[in-house]
Amino acid sequence: MKGKEGNRYRLLGRVVSCRMDKTRSVEVERLVRHKLYGKYIKRSLRLLVHDEANESREGDIVSIVPCRPISKRKAWKLQSVINKSISPDNL
């Protein structure tokens, strides 16, 4: 259903591992403010993402959306590749 997908939120992240078939490890970074000092700290989260067509490679910036649980740790789906990385594999 296309209408339902439009209501979901999406995250942007960088592919850090593409060694598994149809699965990518994506690192999502965010800035959080320290409660006492007010300084912004970079926090990262690694998510397993389902990539049906194996279209993304390491270093790519991708957009991901939540989906039904596909396996124990994989509950995100690749929406699109935003920026391809420049590497010898992509040439």
PDB file of N, CA and C in Angstrom:
ATOM      1  N   MET A   1       0.833  -1.174   0.000  1.00  0.00           N
ATOM      2  CA  MET A   1       0.000   0.000   0.000  1.00  0.00           C
ATOM      3  C   MET A   1       0.883   1.246   0.000  1.00  0.00           C
ATOM      4  N   LYS A   2       0.752   2.034  -1.013  1.00  0.00           N
ATOM      5  CA  LYS A   2       1.584   3.225  -1.152  1.00  0.00           C
ATOM      6  C   LYS A   2       1.248   4.282  -0.107  1.00  0.00           C
ATOM      7  N   GLY A   3      -0.019   4.445   0.222  1.00  0.00           N
ATOM      8  CA  GLY A   3      -0.427   5.477   1.168  1.00  0.00           C
ATOM      9  C   GLY A   3       0.149   5.256   2.562  1.00  0.00           C
ATOM     10  N   LYS A   4       0.232   4.024   2.957  1.00  0.00           N
ATOM     11  CA  LYS A   4       0.747   3.705   4.283  1.00  0.00           C
ATOM     12  C   LYS A   4       2.245   3.990   4.379  1.00  0.00           C
ATOM     13  N   GLU A   5       2.976   3.744   3.305  1.00  0.00           N
ATOM     14  CA  GLU A   5       4.416   3.975   3.323  1.00  0.00           C
ATOM     15  C   GLU A   5       4.763   5.451   3.447  1.00  0.00           C
ATOM     16  N   GLY A   6       3.909   6.336   2.951  1.00  0.00           N
ATOM     17  CA  GLY A   6       4.186   7.756   3.010  1.00  0.00           C
ATOM     18  C   GLY A   6       4.170   8.301   4.436  1.00  0.00           C
ATOM     19  N   ASN A   7       3.469   7.615   5.346  1.00  0.00           N
ATOM     20  CA  ASN A   7       3.378   8.076   6.726  1.00  0.00           C
ATOM     21  C   ASN A   7       4.574   7.655   7.572  1.00  0.00           C
ATOM     22  N   ARG A   8       5.356   6.724   7.098  1.00  0.00           N
ATOM     23  CA  ARG A   8       6.496   6.245   7.865  1.00  0.00           C
ATOM     24  C   ARG A   8       7.626   7.259   7.838  1.00  0.00           C
ATOM     25  N   TYR A   9       8.424   7.249   8.879  1.00  0.00           N
ATOM     26  CA  TYR A   9       9.585   8.111   8.893  1.00  0.00           C
ATOM     27  C   TYR A   9      10.746   7.390   8.231  1.00  0.00           C
ATOM     28  N   ARG A  10      11.757   8.148   7.845  1.00  0.00           N
ATOM     29  CA  ARG A  10      12.916   7.540   7.215  1.00  0.00           C
ATOM     30  C   ARG A  10      14.171   8.066   7.880  1.00  0.00           C
ATOM     31  N   LEU A  11      15.228   7.282   7.794  1.00  0.00           N
ATOM     32  CA  LEU A  11      16.518   7.656   8.338  1.00  0.00           C
ATOM     33  C   LEU A  11      17.544   7.650   7.218  1.00  0.00           C
ATOM     34  N   LEU A  12      18.559   8.492   7.352  1.00  0.00           N
ATOM     35  CA  LEU A  12      19.679   8.504   6.419  1.00  0.00           C
ATOM     36  C   LEU A  12      20.881   7.923   7.139  1.00  0.00           C
ATOM     37  N   GLY A  13      21.626   7.069   6.446  1.00  0.00           N
ATOM     38  CA  GLY A  13      22.796   6.458   7.046  1.00  0.00           C
ATOM     39  C   GLY A  13      23.800   6.063   5.987  1.00  0.00           C
ATOM     40  N   ARG A  14      24.943   5.571   6.457  1.00  0.00           N
ATOM     41  CA  ARG A  14      26.035   5.163   5.574  1.00  0.00           C
ATOM     42  C   ARG A  14      26.210   3.651   5.692  1.00  0.00           C
ATOM     43  N   VAL A  15      26.329   2.982   4.554  1.00  0.00           N
ATOM     44  CA  VAL A  15      26.529   1.526   4.536  1.00  0.00           C
ATOM     45  C   VAL A  15      27.953   1.224   4.999  1.00  0.00           C
ATOM     46  N   VAL A  16      28.084   0.413   6.048  1.00  0.00           N
ATOM     47  CA  VAL A  16      29.403   0.078   6.574  1.00  0.00           C
ATOM     48  C   VAL A  16      29.801  -1.365   6.278  1.00  0.00           C
ATOM     49  N   SER A  17      28.822  -2.202   5.905  1.00  0.00           N
ATOM     50  CA  SER A  17      29.143  -3.582   5.557  1.00  0.00           C
ATOM     51  C   SER A  17      28.139  -4.094   4.535  1.00  0.00           C
ATOM     52  N   CYS A  18      28.676  -4.748   3.490  1.00  0.00           N
ATOM     53  CA  CYS A  18      27.786  -5.334   2.476  1.00  0.00           C
ATOM     54  C   CYS A  18      28.206  -6.771   2.183  1.00  0.00           C
ATOM     55  N   ARG A  19      28.658  -7.483   3.193  1.00  0.00           N
ATOM     56  CA  ARG A  19      29.166  -8.841   3.004  1.00  0.00           C
ATOM     57  C   ARG A  19      28.071  -9.899   2.986  1.00  0.00           C
ATOM     58  N   MET A  20      26.895  -9.558   3.495  1.00  0.00           N
ATOM     59  CA  MET A  20      25.794 -10.524   3.541  1.00  0.00           C
ATOM     60  C   MET A  20      24.918 -10.385   2.305  1.00  0.00           C
ATOM     61  N   ASP A  21      24.277 -11.461   1.909  1.00  0.00           N
ATOM     62  CA  ASP A  21      23.384 -11.431   0.754  1.00  0.00           C
ATOM     63  C   ASP A  21      22.056 -10.795   1.150  1.00  0.00           C
ATOM     64  N   LYS A  22      21.647  -9.760   0.431  1.00  0.00           N
ATOM     65  CA  LYS A  22      20.394  -9.029   0.631  1.00  0.00           C
ATOM     66  C   LYS A  22      20.300  -8.346   1.993  1.00  0.00           C
ATOM     67  N   THR A  23      21.412  -8.183   2.683  1.00  0.00           N
ATOM     68  CA  THR A  23      21.434  -7.514   3.973  1.00  0.00           C
ATOM     69  C   THR A  23      22.609  -6.556   4.013  1.00  0.00           C
ATOM     70  N   ARG A  24      22.364  -5.354   4.514  1.00  0.00           N
ATOM     71  CA  ARG A  24      23.409  -4.340   4.659  1.00  0.00           C
ATOM     72  C   ARG A  24      23.418  -3.871   6.106  1.00  0.00           C
ATOM     73  N   SER A  25      24.594  -3.524   6.585  1.00  0.00           N
ATOM     74  CA  SER A  25      24.731  -2.912   7.891  1.00  0.00           C
ATOM     75  C   SER A  25      24.879  -1.412   7.669  1.00  0.00           C
ATOM     76  N   VAL A  26      23.957  -0.630   8.217  1.00  0.00           N
ATOM     77  CA  VAL A  26      23.925   0.818   7.998  1.00  0.00           C
ATOM     78  C   VAL A  26      24.131   1.521   9.332  1.00  0.00           C
ATOM     79  N   GLU A  27      25.037   2.509   9.333  1.00  0.00           N
ATOM     80  CA  GLU A  27      25.310   3.294  10.531  1.00  0.00           C
ATOM     81  C   GLU A  27      24.593   4.636  10.421  1.00  0.00           C
ATOM     82  N   VAL A  28      23.743   4.913  11.400  1.00  0.00           N
ATOM     83  CA  VAL A  28      22.983   6.161  11.451  1.00  0.00           C
ATOM     84  C   VAL A  28      23.556   6.999  12.592  1.00  0.00           C
ATOM     85  N   GLU A  29      23.965   8.239  12.286  1.00  0.00           N
ATOM     86  CA  GLU A  29      24.532   9.118  13.304  1.00  0.00           C
ATOM     87  C   GLU A  29      23.550  10.226  13.644  1.00  0.00           C
ATOM     88  N   ARG A  30      23.556  10.634  14.906  1.00  0.00           N
ATOM     89  CA  ARG A  30      22.729  11.751  15.336  1.00  0.00           C
ATOM     90  C   ARG A  30      23.486  12.529  16.407  1.00  0.00           C
ATOM     91  N   LEU A  31      23.096  13.774  16.614  1.00  0.00           N
ATOM     92  CA  LEU A  31      23.698  14.612  17.638  1.00  0.00           C
ATOM     93  C   LEU A  31      22.732  14.727  18.811  1.00  0.00           C
ATOM     94  N   VAL A  32      23.230  14.478  20.020  1.00  0.00           N
ATOM     95  CA  VAL A  32      22.425  14.636  21.229  1.00  0.00           C
ATOM     96  C   VAL A  32      23.124  15.625  22.143  1.00  0.00           C
ATOM     97  N   ARG A  33      22.350  16.387  22.860  1.00  0.00           N
ATOM     98  CA  ARG A  33      22.895  17.405  23.746  1.00  0.00           C
ATOM     99  C   ARG A  33      23.158  16.814  25.121  1.00  0.00           C
ATOM    100  N   HIS A  34      24.343  17.078  25.675  1.00  0.00           N
ATOM    101  CA  HIS A  34      24.700  16.620  27.011  1.00  0.00           C
ATOM    102  C   HIS A  34      23.852  17.370  28.025  1.00  0.00           C
ATOM    103  N   LYS A  35      23.297  16.656  29.009  1.00  0.00           N
ATOM    104  CA  LYS A  35      22.374  17.275  29.958  1.00  0.00           C
ATOM    105  C   LYS A  35      23.036  18.362  30.808  1.00  0.00           C
ATOM    106  N   LEU A  36      24.240  18.109  31.278  1.00  0.00           N
ATOM    107  CA  LEU A  36      24.894  19.040  32.190  1.00  0.00           C
ATOM    108  C   LEU A  36      25.670  20.130  31.456  1.00  0.00           C
ATOM    109  N   TYR A  37      26.480  19.742  30.490  1.00  0.00           N
ATOM    110  CA  TYR A  37      27.393  20.686  29.854  1.00  0.00           C
ATOM    111  C   TYR A  37      26.836  21.352  28.600  1.00  0.00           C
ATOM    112  N   GLY A  38      25.798  20.782  28.013  1.00  0.00           N
ATOM    113  CA  GLY A  38      25.194  21.394  26.841  1.00  0.00           C
ATOM    114  C   GLY A  38      25.951  21.150  25.546  1.00  0.00           C
ATOM    115  N   LYS A  39      27.038  20.425  25.619  1.00  0.00           N
ATOM    116  CA  LYS A  39      27.824  20.128  24.414  1.00  0.00           C
ATOM    117  C   LYS A  39      27.122  19.035  23.614  1.00  0.00           C
ATOM    118  N   TYR A  40      27.200  19.138  22.297  1.00  0.00           N
ATOM    119  CA  TYR A  40      26.582  18.129  21.434  1.00  0.00           C
ATOM    120  C   TYR A  40      27.544  16.973  21.227  1.00  0.00           C
ATOM    121  N   ILE A  41      27.025  15.763  21.398  1.00  0.00           N
ATOM    122  CA  ILE A  41      27.812  14.541  21.287  1.00  0.00           C
ATOM    123  C   ILE A  41      27.262  13.729  20.132  1.00  0.00           C
ATOM    124  N   LYS A  42      28.155  13.136  19.345  1.00  0.00           N
ATOM    125  CA  LYS A  42      27.742  12.309  18.214  1.00  0.00           C
ATOM    126  C   LYS A  42      27.479  10.885  18.697  1.00  0.00           C
ATOM    127  N   ARG A  43      26.281  10.410  18.442  1.00  0.00           N
ATOM    128  CA  ARG A  43      25.901   9.039  18.788  1.00  0.00           C
ATOM    129  C   ARG A  43      25.589   8.288  17.497  1.00  0.00           C
ATOM    130  N   SER A  44      25.982   7.021  17.439  1.00  0.00           N
ATOM    131  CA  SER A  44      25.734   6.240  16.232  1.00  0.00           C
ATOM    132  C   SER A  44      24.997   4.962  16.581  1.00  0.00           C
ATOM    133  N   LEU A  45      24.269   4.451  15.597  1.00  0.00           N
ATOM    134  CA  LEU A  45      23.469   3.252  15.745  1.00  0.00           C
ATOM    135  C   LEU A  45      23.641   2.425  14.484  1.00  0.00           C
ATOM    136  N   ARG A  46      23.943   1.144  14.634  1.00  0.00           N
ATOM    137  CA  ARG A  46      24.082   0.258  13.472  1.00  0.00           C
ATOM    138  C   ARG A  46      22.827  -0.585  13.346  1.00  0.00           C
ATOM    139  N   LEU A  47      22.239  -0.531  12.159  1.00  0.00           N
ATOM    140  CA  LEU A  47      21.011  -1.268  11.882  1.00  0.00           C
ATOM    141  C   LEU A  47      21.240  -2.229  10.723  1.00  0.00           C
ATOM    142  N   LEU A  48      20.574  -3.373  10.760  1.00  0.00           N
ATOM    143  CA  LEU A  48      20.593  -4.291   9.633  1.00  0.00           C
ATOM    144  C   LEU A  48      19.425  -3.944   8.726  1.00  0.00           C
ATOM    145  N   VAL A  49      19.711  -3.810   7.439  1.00  0.00           N
ATOM    146  CA  VAL A  49      18.735  -3.333   6.465  1.00  0.00           C
ATOM    147  C   VAL A  49      18.576  -4.362   5.361  1.00  0.00           C
ATOM    148  N   HIS A  50      17.340  -4.606   4.951  1.00  0.00           N
ATOM    149  CA  HIS A  50      17.055  -5.532   3.855  1.00  0.00           C
ATOM    150  C   HIS A  50      17.213  -4.818   2.517  1.00  0.00           C
ATOM    151  N   ASP A  51      18.098  -5.330   1.666  1.00  0.00           N
ATOM    152  CA  ASP A  51      18.357  -4.771   0.333  1.00  0.00           C
ATOM    153  C   ASP A  51      18.084  -5.878  -0.688  1.00  0.00           C
ATOM    154  N   GLU A  52      16.864  -5.911  -1.188  1.00  0.00           N
ATOM    155  CA  GLU A  52      16.417  -7.001  -2.062  1.00  0.00           C
ATOM    156  C   GLU A  52      17.270  -7.151  -3.310  1.00  0.00           C
ATOM    157  N   ALA A  53      17.659  -6.049  -3.945  1.00  0.00           N
ATOM    158  CA  ALA A  53      18.374  -6.105  -5.224  1.00  0.00           C
ATOM    159  C   ALA A  53      19.892  -6.040  -5.070  1.00  0.00           C
ATOM    160  N   ASN A  54      20.399  -6.009  -3.851  1.00  0.00           N
ATOM    161  CA  ASN A  54      21.848  -5.871  -3.607  1.00  0.00           C
ATOM    162  C   ASN A  54      22.422  -4.671  -4.362  1.00  0.00           C
ATOM    163  N   GLU A  55      21.734  -3.534  -4.319  1.00  0.00           N
ATOM    164  CA  GLU A  55      22.148  -2.365  -5.098  1.00  0.00           C
ATOM    165  C   GLU A  55      23.103  -1.439  -4.363  1.00  0.00           C
ATOM    166  N   SER A  56      23.209  -1.517  -3.049  1.00  0.00           N
ATOM    167  CA  SER A  56      24.086  -0.611  -2.311  1.00  0.00           C
ATOM    168  C   SER A  56      25.422  -1.278  -2.015  1.00  0.00           C
ATOM    169  N   ARG A  57      26.432  -0.462  -1.866  1.00  0.00           N
ATOM    170  CA  ARG A  57      27.789  -0.911  -1.552  1.00  0.00           C
ATOM    171  C   ARG A  57      28.314  -0.135  -0.356  1.00  0.00           C
ATOM    172  N   GLU A  58      29.475  -0.541   0.166  1.00  0.00           N
ATOM    173  CA  GLU A  58      30.078   0.149   1.302  1.00  0.00           C
ATOM    174  C   GLU A  58      30.369   1.598   0.958  1.00  0.00           C
ATOM    175  N   GLY A  59      30.040   2.485   1.890  1.00  0.00           N
ATOM    176  CA  GLY A  59      30.294   3.902   1.706  1.00  0.00           C
ATOM    177  C   GLY A  59      29.132   4.675   1.122  1.00  0.00           C
ATOM    178  N   ASP A  60      28.111   3.998   0.605  1.00  0.00           N
ATOM    179  CA  ASP A  60      26.949   4.679   0.030  1.00  0.00           C
ATOM    180  C   ASP A  60      26.107   5.322   1.132  1.00  0.00           C
ATOM    181  N   ILE A  61      25.511   6.467   0.819  1.00  0.00           N
ATOM    182  CA  ILE A  61      24.543   7.098   1.707  1.00  0.00           C
ATOM    183  C   ILE A  61      23.167   6.611   1.251  1.00  0.00           C
ATOM    184  N   VAL A  62      22.404   6.029   2.197  1.00  0.00           N
ATOM    185  CA  VAL A  62      21.125   5.416   1.844  1.00  0.00           C
ATOM    186  C   VAL A  62      20.006   5.945   2.728  1.00  0.00           C
ATOM    187  N   SER A  63      18.791   5.812   2.221  1.00  0.00           N
ATOM    188  CA  SER A  63      17.587   6.150   2.964  1.00  0.00           C
ATOM    189  C   SER A  63      16.902   4.837   3.323  1.00  0.00           C
ATOM    190  N   ILE A  64      16.527   4.684   4.612  1.00  0.00           N
ATOM    191  CA  ILE A  64      15.912   3.443   5.067  1.00  0.00           C
ATOM    192  C   ILE A  64      14.587   3.749   5.774  1.00  0.00           C
ATOM    193  N   VAL A  65      13.662   2.793   5.708  1.00  0.00           N
ATOM    194  CA  VAL A  65      12.353   2.911   6.367  1.00  0.00           C
ATOM    195  C   VAL A  65      12.103   1.642   7.178  1.00  0.00           C
ATOM    196  N   PRO A  66      11.348   1.752   8.269  1.00  0.00           N
ATOM    197  CA  PRO A  66      11.027   0.549   9.050  1.00  0.00           C
ATOM    198  C   PRO A  66      10.056  -0.357   8.304  1.00  0.00           C
ATOM    199  N   CYS A  67      10.124  -1.639   8.584  1.00  0.00           N
ATOM    200  CA  CYS A  67       9.213  -2.613   7.981  1.00  0.00           C
ATOM    201  C   CYS A  67       8.939  -3.706   9.012  1.00  0.00           C
ATOM    202  N   ARG A  68       8.195  -4.698   8.602  1.00  0.00           N
ATOM    203  CA  ARG A  68       7.929  -5.817   9.504  1.00  0.00           C
ATOM    204  C   ARG A  68       9.243  -6.550   9.794  1.00  0.00           C
ATOM    205  N   PRO A  69       9.374  -7.217  10.928  1.00  0.00           N
ATOM    206  CA  PRO A  69      10.611  -7.948  11.221  1.00  0.00           C
ATOM    207  C   PRO A  69      10.846  -9.067  10.201  1.00  0.00           C
ATOM    208  N   ILE A  70      12.014  -9.024   9.571  1.00  0.00           N
ATOM    209  CA  ILE A  70      12.373 -10.035   8.579  1.00  0.00           C
ATOM    210  C   ILE A  70      13.186 -11.142   9.243  1.00  0.00           C
ATOM    211  N   SER A  71      13.998 -10.776  10.224  1.00  0.00           N
ATOM    212  CA  SER A  71      14.737 -11.746  11.018  1.00  0.00           C
ATOM    213  C   SER A  71      14.873 -11.184  12.428  1.00  0.00           C
ATOM    214  N   LYS A  72      15.720 -11.780  13.235  1.00  0.00           N
ATOM    215  CA  LYS A  72      15.834 -11.371  14.633  1.00  0.00           C
ATOM    216  C   LYS A  72      16.259  -9.908  14.769  1.00  0.00           C
ATOM    217  N   ARG A  73      17.226  -9.459  13.973  1.00  0.00           N
ATOM    218  CA  ARG A  73      17.749  -8.091  14.081  1.00  0.00           C
ATOM    219  C   ARG A  73      17.401  -7.209  12.890  1.00  0.00           C
ATOM    220  N   LYS A  74      16.782  -7.754  11.870  1.00  0.00           N
ATOM    221  CA  LYS A  74      16.535  -6.996  10.637  1.00  0.00           C
ATOM    222  C   LYS A  74      15.071  -6.590  10.537  1.00  0.00           C
ATOM    223  N   ALA A  75      14.805  -5.281  10.732  1.00  0.00           N
ATOM    224  CA  ALA A  75      13.447  -4.761  10.648  1.00  0.00           C
ATOM    225  C   ALA A  75      13.421  -3.429   9.909  1.00  0.00           C
ATOM    226  N   TRP A  76      14.380  -3.217   9.016  1.00  0.00           N
ATOM    227  CA  TRP A  76      14.455  -2.007   8.195  1.00  0.00           C
ATOM    228  C   TRP A  76      14.611  -2.415   6.746  1.00  0.00           C
ATOM    229  N   LYS A  77      14.126  -1.574   5.839  1.00  0.00           N
ATOM    230  CA  LYS A  77      14.179  -1.856   4.411  1.00  0.00           C
ATOM    231  C   LYS A  77      14.842  -0.676   3.708  1.00  0.00           C
ATOM    232  N   LEU A  78      15.645  -0.970   2.698  1.00  0.00           N
ATOM    233  CA  LEU A  78      16.293   0.071   1.909  1.00  0.00           C
ATOM    234  C   LEU A  78      15.250   0.757   1.036  1.00  0.00           C
ATOM    235  N   GLN A  79      15.150   2.081   1.161  1.00  0.00           N
ATOM    236  CA  GLN A  79      14.210   2.834   0.336  1.00  0.00           C
ATOM    237  C   GLN A  79      14.889   3.294  -0.944  1.00  0.00           C
ATOM    238  N   SER A  80      16.057   3.926  -0.816  1.00  0.00           N
ATOM    239  CA  SER A  80      16.780   4.385  -2.001  1.00  0.00           C
ATOM    240  C   SER A  80      18.232   4.659  -1.648  1.00  0.00           C
ATOM    241  N   VAL A  81      19.069   4.655  -2.687  1.00  0.00           N
ATOM    242  CA  VAL A  81      20.469   5.027  -2.539  1.00  0.00           C
ATOM    243  C   VAL A  81      20.561   6.509  -2.883  1.00  0.00           C
ATOM    244  N   ILE A  82      20.974   7.320  -1.925  1.00  0.00           N
ATOM    245  CA  ILE A  82      21.036   8.765  -2.107  1.00  0.00           C
ATOM    246  C   ILE A  82      22.314   9.169  -2.836  1.00  0.00           C
ATOM    247  N   ASN A  83      23.443   8.643  -2.386  1.00  0.00           N
ATOM    248  CA  ASN A  83      24.738   9.036  -2.935  1.00  0.00           C
ATOM    249  C   ASN A  83      25.634   7.801  -3.037  1.00  0.00           C
ATOM    250  N   LYS A  84      26.084   7.497  -4.246  1.00  0.00           N
ATOM    251  CA  LYS A  84      26.991   6.361  -4.452  1.00  0.00           C
ATOM    252  C   LYS A  84      28.408   6.749  -4.064  1.00  0.00           C
ATOM    253  N   SER A  85      29.134   5.818  -3.462  1.00  0.00           N
ATOM    254  CA  SER A  85      30.518   6.080  -3.098  1.00  0.00           C
ATOM    255  C   SER A  85      31.413   5.826  -4.330  1.00  0.00           C
ATOM    256  N   ILE A  86      32.549   6.484  -4.340  1.00  0.00           N
ATOM    257  CA  ILE A  86      33.529   6.279  -5.404  1.00  0.00           C
ATOM    258  C   ILE A  86      34.530   5.244  -4.921  1.00  0.00           C
ATOM    259  N   SER A  87      34.470   4.065  -5.519  1.00  0.00           N
ATOM    260  CA  SER A  87      35.405   2.994  -5.161  1.00  0.00           C
ATOM    261  C   SER A  87      35.683   2.165  -6.404  1.00  0.00           C
ATOM    262  N   PRO A  88      36.762   1.406  -6.385  1.00  0.00           N
ATOM    263  CA  PRO A  88      37.072   0.569  -7.561  1.00  0.00           C
ATOM    264  C   PRO A  88      35.996  -0.456  -7.886  1.00  0.00           C
ATOM    265  N   ASP A  89      35.208  -0.886  -6.880  1.00  0.00           N
ATOM    266  CA  ASP A  89      34.143  -1.868  -7.119  1.00  0.00           C
ATOM    267  C   ASP A  89      33.014  -1.284  -7.964  1.00  0.00           C
ATOM    268  N   ASN A  90      32.759   0.021  -7.821  1.00  0.00           N
ATOM    269  CA  ASN A  90      31.644   0.646  -8.529  1.00  0.00           C
ATOM    270  C   ASN A  90      31.999   1.039  -9.962  1.00  0.00           C
ATOM    271  N   LEU A  91      33.274   1.044 -10.324  1.00  0.00           N
ATOM    272  CA  LEU A  91      33.673   1.478 -11.665  1.00  0.00           C
ATOM    273  C   LEU A  91      33.471   0.424 -12.702  1.00  0.00           C
TER     274      LEU A  91
END
